[in-house]
Amino acid sequence: HVEAMEKAGFEDAGQFVMKDSHLFRITRDHAILANIHFFPKRHIHIKEMIAVRDFLRANPKEAEDYSNIKNELYEKYGRDYTVYRKYKDDYMDALVKRAWSV
């Protein structure tokens, strides 16, 4: 998939989020315009993200909060993905717990 993603204009950022993950992104002027994360089949993170997706779809206020935090973090740290991820990960840990609890 690396060659296909690069051909589509994505930069290969390698393993980034967690073990066995693979990140591709499109940047312009050091700002990230798009991210795509790949995980192997049956990776625990896939189930977590599907649970979060379903939780956000069922809870519009949570979806709005999630959108707001991402926008706020992008405004502050849009040019530093590592710092952006650190703060987003703190939020995501709590969000995943809420998603699994329903």
Protein backbone atom coordinates (compact mmCIF):
# COMPACT_ATOMS: atom_id res chain seq x y z
CA HIS A 1 0.00 0.00 0.00
CA VAL A 2 2.98 2.34 0.42
CA GLU A 3 3.52 2.80 -3.31
CA ALA A 4 -0.17 3.42 -3.97
CA MET A 5 -0.41 6.01 -1.20
CA GLU A 6 2.69 7.83 -2.38
CA LYS A 7 1.35 7.81 -5.93
CA ALA A 8 -1.85 9.42 -4.57
CA GLY A 9 0.24 12.26 -3.11
CA PHE A 10 0.67 11.05 0.48
CA GLU A 11 3.94 11.19 2.36
CA ASP A 12 4.95 7.97 4.15
CA ALA A 13 5.43 8.90 7.82
CA GLY A 14 6.02 5.30 8.92
CA GLN A 15 4.93 3.86 12.26
CA PHE A 16 3.55 6.73 14.31
CA VAL A 17 0.48 6.26 16.47
CA MET A 18 1.24 2.86 17.96
CA LYS A 19 2.98 -0.42 17.27
CA ASP A 20 2.02 -1.95 13.92
CA SER A 21 0.41 1.28 12.70
CA HIS A 22 1.40 3.14 9.56
CA LEU A 23 0.74 6.82 8.92
CA PHE A 24 0.40 8.60 5.59
CA ARG A 25 -0.20 12.31 5.31
CA ILE A 26 -0.45 15.24 2.96
CA THR A 27 1.16 18.47 4.12
CA ARG A 28 1.48 21.97 2.76
CA ASP A 29 3.71 24.63 4.35
CA HIS A 30 4.27 22.28 7.30
CA ALA A 31 0.52 22.08 7.99
CA ILE A 32 -1.14 18.66 7.79
CA LEU A 33 -4.04 18.60 5.36
CA ALA A 34 -4.86 14.88 5.54
CA ASN A 35 -3.90 11.82 7.61
CA ILE A 36 -4.63 8.19 6.94
CA HIS A 37 -3.65 5.50 9.43
CA PHE A 38 -3.29 1.85 8.44
CA PHE A 39 -3.49 -1.02 10.91
CA PRO A 40 -3.21 -4.77 10.38
CA LYS A 41 -6.37 -6.85 10.42
CA ARG A 42 -7.78 -7.47 13.89
CA HIS A 43 -5.61 -4.76 15.48
CA ILE A 44 -7.25 -3.58 18.76
CA HIS A 45 -7.20 0.03 17.57
CA ILE A 46 -9.62 -0.80 14.75
CA LYS A 47 -12.29 -1.94 17.24
CA GLU A 48 -11.66 1.14 19.35
CA MET A 49 -12.08 3.51 16.42
CA ILE A 50 -15.26 1.78 15.25
CA ALA A 51 -16.64 2.03 18.80
CA VAL A 52 -15.75 5.74 18.86
CA ARG A 53 -17.31 6.28 15.42
CA ASP A 54 -20.55 4.60 16.49
CA PHE A 55 -20.56 6.48 19.80
CA LEU A 56 -20.12 9.84 18.06
CA ARG A 57 -22.88 9.05 15.58
CA ALA A 58 -25.24 8.23 18.44
CA ASN A 59 -24.24 11.26 20.56
CA PRO A 60 -24.28 14.54 18.63
CA LYS A 61 -23.00 16.58 21.60
CA GLU A 62 -19.96 14.30 21.90
CA ALA A 63 -19.40 14.64 18.15
CA GLU A 64 -19.53 18.42 18.44
CA ASP A 65 -17.09 18.36 21.37
CA TYR A 66 -14.74 16.10 19.41
CA SER A 67 -14.86 18.43 16.42
CA ASN A 68 -14.22 21.45 18.63
CA ILE A 69 -11.21 19.90 20.37
CA LYS A 70 -9.67 18.89 17.05
CA ASN A 71 -10.16 22.40 15.66
CA GLU A 72 -8.73 24.02 18.80
CA LEU A 73 -5.70 21.74 18.77
CA TYR A 74 -5.16 22.32 15.08
CA GLU A 75 -5.24 26.07 15.60
CA LYS A 76 -2.61 25.78 18.35
CA TYR A 77 -0.45 22.91 17.05
CA GLY A 78 -1.29 22.48 13.36
CA ARG A 79 2.36 22.67 12.42
CA ASP A 80 3.56 20.24 15.11
CA TYR A 81 1.78 16.92 14.73
CA THR A 82 3.63 15.32 17.65
CA VAL A 83 2.33 17.92 20.11
CA TYR A 84 -1.12 17.88 18.48
CA ARG A 85 -1.24 14.07 18.94
CA LYS A 86 -0.15 14.29 22.56
CA TYR A 87 -3.06 16.52 23.50
CA LYS A 88 -5.50 14.74 21.20
CA ASP A 89 -4.45 11.37 22.66
CA ASP A 90 -5.28 12.61 26.17
CA TYR A 91 -8.78 13.51 24.95
CA MET A 92 -9.11 10.29 22.93
CA ASP A 93 -8.26 8.08 25.91
CA ALA A 94 -11.27 9.47 27.77
CA LEU A 95 -13.46 9.33 24.65
CA VAL A 96 -12.60 5.67 24.02
CA LYS A 97 -13.54 4.84 27.62
CA ARG A 98 -16.90 6.58 27.16
CA ALA A 99 -17.46 4.76 23.87
CA TRP A 100 -16.70 1.34 25.39
CA SER A 101 -18.96 2.03 28.38
CA VAL A 102 -22.20 2.05 26.34
